[in-house]
Amino acid sequence: MQSTATHPIGVMLVDDHQTMLWGLSKLIDGEQPRMKVVATANCCEQALEQTEHVVPDVILLDLDLGGRCSLDILPKLLSNDVSRALILTAERSQQTLDLAVLRGARGVLCKDASAEQVLDAISRVHNGELCIDAQAMGRVFSELTSQKKPAKADPEAAKIASLTQKERQIIRAVVEGSGAANKTLASRLFVTEHTFRNHLTSIYQKLDVANRLELYIYAIKHQLDAAPH
């Protein structure tokens, strides 16, 4: 117990809601000397900037940061080999939560979790445990093992094959600039925003996704963000 007191668990909070940041800060700092808040951030850019100055033991991370999915920065946040990520989110999509684990998260909590559950999960993740339910672990394990087996016929292959070269270019731009506005992405591709939106509509229909977040998840899963050979 003494080592914990002399070296509290350093927690970085990443959430785009100021009230949530305030509440979590009060909760965690109230646990001193067991743990304390060492940094806060409300967007992806700020989170990356903070990790240049501090090396938190645990990063409590929301997946939706002002409309941008934080999954694309998760590997960078964990690149110091010290920090461990605990997802605290309102997201209910199993596919999205599983992808967070595949990208390095050690735990997943819903935002309706109790204060005791949050504090317990921070301690467990810091101690090297996984805070992931058995069903999610089963899905993630199946995903990891299936990647090592000979590839089976992909039921999504026909959808992907229907994409034009321009649409694939649009998808890569969406993944690389997941937080950017349509107008910004359109200018990077030298097309009008109207044309860009038309391409997105066509892509949504072909891939059976509803919005840019779903497209992002689909593209990562099926590696549509990779540059053409």
Protein backbone atom coordinates (compact mmCIF):
# COMPACT_ATOMS: atom_id res chain seq x y z
CA MET A 1 0.00 0.00 0.00
CA GLN A 2 2.86 2.35 0.72
CA SER A 3 4.14 2.19 -2.87
CA THR A 4 0.71 3.26 -4.10
CA ALA A 5 0.77 6.24 -1.75
CA THR A 6 4.21 7.35 -2.92
CA HIS A 7 3.34 6.82 -6.57
CA PRO A 8 -0.34 7.50 -7.24
CA ILE A 9 -1.89 6.20 -10.45
CA GLY A 10 -1.63 9.09 -12.91
CA VAL A 11 -4.86 9.40 -14.92
CA MET A 12 -5.45 11.46 -18.06
CA LEU A 13 -9.09 12.26 -18.82
CA VAL A 14 -10.19 12.70 -22.45
CA ASP A 15 -13.81 13.76 -22.97
CA ASP A 16 -15.44 16.55 -24.97
CA HIS A 17 -18.00 17.37 -22.26
CA GLN A 18 -16.68 19.83 -19.69
CA THR A 19 -19.16 18.68 -17.05
CA MET A 20 -17.99 15.07 -17.44
CA LEU A 21 -14.34 16.17 -17.20
CA TRP A 22 -15.10 18.17 -14.07
CA GLY A 23 -16.99 15.32 -12.42
CA LEU A 24 -14.35 12.71 -13.24
CA SER A 25 -11.59 15.04 -12.01
CA LYS A 26 -13.36 15.51 -8.68
CA LEU A 27 -13.97 11.76 -8.38
CA ILE A 28 -10.38 10.72 -9.12
CA ASP A 29 -8.62 13.50 -7.21
CA GLY A 30 -10.82 12.59 -4.25
CA GLU A 31 -8.99 9.24 -4.20
CA GLN A 32 -5.55 10.78 -3.55
CA PRO A 33 -2.99 9.51 -2.76
CA ARG A 34 -4.17 6.31 -4.51
CA MET A 35 -4.70 8.07 -7.86
CA LYS A 36 -4.77 11.58 -9.26
CA VAL A 37 -5.53 13.43 -12.52
CA VAL A 38 -2.33 14.38 -14.36
CA ALA A 39 -3.92 15.84 -17.52
CA THR A 40 -7.24 16.51 -19.25
CA ALA A 41 -8.17 16.95 -22.89
CA ASN A 42 -11.39 17.59 -24.79
CA CYS A 43 -10.36 16.66 -28.34
CA CYS A 44 -8.02 14.33 -30.21
CA GLU A 45 -5.43 17.02 -30.92
CA GLN A 46 -5.30 18.13 -27.29
CA ALA A 47 -4.97 14.53 -26.10
CA LEU A 48 -1.97 13.93 -28.37
CA GLU A 49 -0.43 17.22 -27.30
CA GLN A 50 -0.79 16.34 -23.61
CA THR A 51 0.99 13.01 -24.07
CA GLU A 52 4.03 14.93 -25.32
CA HIS A 53 4.35 16.43 -21.84
CA VAL A 54 3.01 13.74 -19.50
CA VAL A 55 3.03 9.95 -19.48
CA PRO A 56 -0.21 8.92 -17.75
CA ASP A 57 -0.55 5.45 -16.27
CA VAL A 58 -4.18 5.21 -17.37
CA ILE A 59 -5.99 7.15 -20.11
CA LEU A 60 -9.74 7.35 -19.53
CA LEU A 61 -10.92 7.91 -23.09
CA ASP A 62 -14.28 8.76 -24.66
CA LEU A 63 -14.73 7.41 -28.19
CA ASP A 64 -16.74 10.34 -29.55
CA LEU A 65 -14.76 13.58 -29.28
CA GLY A 66 -16.76 16.37 -30.86
CA GLY A 67 -17.97 14.11 -33.65
CA ARG A 68 -14.54 12.58 -34.27
CA CYS A 69 -13.83 8.95 -33.38
CA SER A 70 -10.80 8.74 -31.09
CA LEU A 71 -9.93 5.22 -32.29
CA ASP A 72 -7.54 6.64 -34.89
CA ILE A 73 -5.34 8.23 -32.19
CA LEU A 74 -5.48 5.31 -29.74
CA PRO A 75 -2.27 3.61 -31.00
CA LYS A 76 -0.41 6.93 -30.74
CA LEU A 77 -1.66 7.50 -27.19
CA LEU A 78 -0.32 4.08 -26.22
CA SER A 79 3.00 4.31 -28.07
CA ASN A 80 4.98 5.11 -24.90
CA ASP A 81 4.61 1.49 -23.63
CA VAL A 82 3.52 2.81 -20.22
CA SER A 83 0.01 4.19 -20.66
CA ARG A 84 -3.00 1.88 -20.68
CA ALA A 85 -6.35 2.90 -22.11
CA LEU A 86 -9.74 2.50 -20.46
CA ILE A 87 -12.69 3.41 -22.68
CA LEU A 88 -15.56 5.29 -21.00
CA THR A 89 -18.24 5.84 -23.60
CA ALA A 90 -21.94 6.05 -24.42
CA GLU A 91 -21.26 4.07 -27.61
CA ARG A 92 -23.25 0.84 -27.75
CA SER A 93 -22.05 -0.62 -31.06
CA GLN A 94 -20.34 -3.93 -30.33
CA GLN A 95 -18.26 -3.61 -33.49
CA THR A 96 -16.91 -0.22 -32.42
CA LEU A 97 -16.16 -1.34 -28.86
CA ASP A 98 -14.47 -4.52 -30.10
CA LEU A 99 -12.34 -2.45 -32.46
CA ALA A 100 -11.24 -0.31 -29.51
CA VAL A 101 -9.97 -3.45 -27.77
CA LEU A 102 -8.26 -4.66 -30.94
CA ARG A 103 -6.51 -1.29 -31.10
CA GLY A 104 -5.13 -1.60 -27.58
CA ALA A 105 -7.77 -0.63 -25.00
CA ARG A 106 -7.52 -2.67 -21.79
CA GLY A 107 -11.05 -1.99 -20.63
CA VAL A 108 -14.46 -0.75 -21.75
CA LEU A 109 -17.04 0.95 -19.53
CA CYS A 110 -20.38 2.53 -20.39
CA LYS A 111 -20.96 6.06 -19.14
CA ASP A 112 -23.77 4.84 -16.89
CA ALA A 113 -21.20 2.95 -14.79
CA SER A 114 -21.11 3.84 -11.10
CA ALA A 115 -18.31 5.86 -9.52
CA GLU A 116 -17.11 2.72 -7.76
CA GLN A 117 -16.97 0.82 -11.06
CA VAL A 118 -14.92 3.56 -12.70
CA LEU A 119 -12.41 3.72 -9.84
CA ASP A 120 -12.16 -0.07 -9.68
CA ALA A 121 -11.60 -0.32 -13.44
CA ILE A 122 -8.82 2.30 -13.32
CA SER A 123 -7.02 0.32 -10.61
CA ARG A 124 -7.48 -3.00 -12.40
CA VAL A 125 -6.29 -1.69 -15.77
CA HIS A 126 -3.28 -0.09 -14.08
CA ASN A 127 -2.48 -3.44 -12.47
CA GLY A 128 -2.47 -5.15 -15.84
CA GLU A 129 -5.95 -6.67 -15.75
CA LEU A 130 -8.51 -6.56 -18.57
CA CYS A 131 -11.87 -4.96 -17.81
CA ILE A 132 -13.76 -6.46 -20.73
CA ASP A 133 -16.83 -8.68 -20.47
CA ALA A 134 -16.53 -12.33 -21.45
CA GLN A 135 -18.68 -11.98 -24.58
CA ALA A 136 -16.53 -9.15 -25.93
CA MET A 137 -13.37 -11.10 -25.16
CA GLY A 138 -14.80 -14.05 -27.08
CA ARG A 139 -15.52 -11.90 -30.13
CA VAL A 140 -12.10 -10.25 -30.02
CA PHE A 141 -10.35 -13.60 -29.61
CA SER A 142 -12.28 -14.99 -32.59
CA GLU A 143 -11.33 -11.94 -34.63
CA LEU A 144 -7.64 -12.32 -33.78
CA THR A 145 -7.54 -16.05 -34.47
CA SER A 146 -9.54 -15.79 -37.69
CA GLN A 147 -6.93 -13.35 -39.03
CA LYS A 148 -4.37 -16.17 -38.87
CA LYS A 149 -6.54 -18.68 -40.74
CA PRO A 150 -6.72 -18.96 -44.54
CA ALA A 151 -8.99 -16.24 -45.81
CA LYS A 152 -12.52 -17.37 -46.51
CA ALA A 153 -14.82 -15.86 -49.07
CA ASP A 154 -15.63 -12.39 -47.82
CA PRO A 155 -19.36 -11.66 -48.02
CA GLU A 156 -18.48 -7.98 -48.24
CA ALA A 157 -16.23 -8.51 -51.27
CA ALA A 158 -18.99 -7.74 -53.79
CA LYS A 159 -19.83 -4.47 -52.01
CA ILE A 160 -16.19 -3.42 -51.95
CA ALA A 161 -15.65 -4.45 -55.56
CA SER A 162 -18.47 -2.11 -56.61
CA LEU A 163 -16.54 0.94 -55.38
CA THR A 164 -14.98 3.16 -58.01
CA GLN A 165 -11.40 4.37 -57.77
CA LYS A 166 -12.68 7.84 -56.88
CA GLU A 167 -14.89 6.42 -54.13
CA ARG A 168 -11.94 4.55 -52.65
CA GLN A 169 -10.02 7.82 -52.68
CA ILE A 170 -12.92 9.48 -50.85
CA ILE A 171 -12.91 6.70 -48.23
CA ARG A 172 -9.17 7.10 -47.60
CA ALA A 173 -9.66 10.85 -47.17
CA VAL A 174 -12.48 10.26 -44.66
CA VAL A 175 -10.34 7.89 -42.60
CA GLU A 176 -7.21 10.07 -42.66
CA GLY A 177 -9.16 13.21 -41.78
CA SER A 178 -11.93 11.68 -39.70
CA GLY A 179 -12.49 14.87 -37.73
CA ALA A 180 -12.43 17.25 -40.70
CA ALA A 181 -15.51 18.83 -42.23
CA ASN A 182 -16.81 17.66 -45.61
CA LYS A 183 -15.84 21.01 -47.11
CA THR A 184 -12.23 20.59 -45.94
CA LEU A 185 -11.96 17.06 -47.28
CA ALA A 186 -13.51 18.11 -50.58
CA SER A 187 -10.92 20.86 -51.03
CA ARG A 188 -8.11 18.38 -50.40
CA LEU A 189 -9.47 16.22 -53.21
CA PHE A 190 -10.04 19.21 -55.49
CA VAL A 191 -13.78 18.62 -55.80
CA THR A 192 -16.76 20.68 -54.70
CA GLU A 193 -18.48 19.94 -51.42
CA HIS A 194 -21.62 19.01 -53.38
CA THR A 195 -19.68 16.45 -55.44
CA PHE A 196 -18.04 15.11 -52.28
CA ARG A 197 -21.44 14.63 -50.63
CA ASN A 198 -22.77 12.85 -53.71
CA HIS A 199 -19.82 10.45 -53.58
CA LEU A 200 -20.46 9.82 -49.89
CA THR A 201 -24.13 9.05 -50.56
CA SER A 202 -23.14 6.53 -53.21
CA ILE A 203 -20.56 4.95 -50.88
CA TYR A 204 -23.08 4.71 -48.03
CA GLN A 205 -25.53 2.90 -50.31
CA LYS A 206 -22.94 0.49 -51.70
CA LEU A 207 -21.47 -0.44 -48.32
CA ASP A 208 -24.77 -0.28 -46.40
CA VAL A 209 -23.52 2.23 -43.82
CA ALA A 210 -25.44 5.19 -42.45
CA ASN A 211 -22.88 7.89 -41.73
CA ARG A 212 -19.18 8.81 -41.63
CA LEU A 213 -18.54 7.07 -38.30
CA GLU A 214 -19.95 3.79 -39.63
CA LEU A 215 -17.95 4.28 -42.82
CA TYR A 216 -14.79 4.85 -40.75
CA ILE A 217 -15.33 1.62 -38.80
CA TYR A 218 -16.12 -0.34 -41.98
CA ALA A 219 -13.07 1.05 -43.79
CA ILE A 220 -10.70 0.17 -40.94
CA LYS A 221 -12.12 -3.35 -40.61
CA HIS A 222 -11.83 -4.04 -44.34
CA GLN A 223 -8.56 -2.09 -44.77
CA LEU A 224 -10.07 0.32 -47.28
CA ASP A 225 -7.84 3.06 -45.88
CA ALA A 226 -4.73 1.44 -47.37
CA ALA A 227 -3.11 3.26 -50.29
CA PRO A 228 -3.43 1.47 -53.67
CA HIS A 229 -0.46 -0.61 -54.76
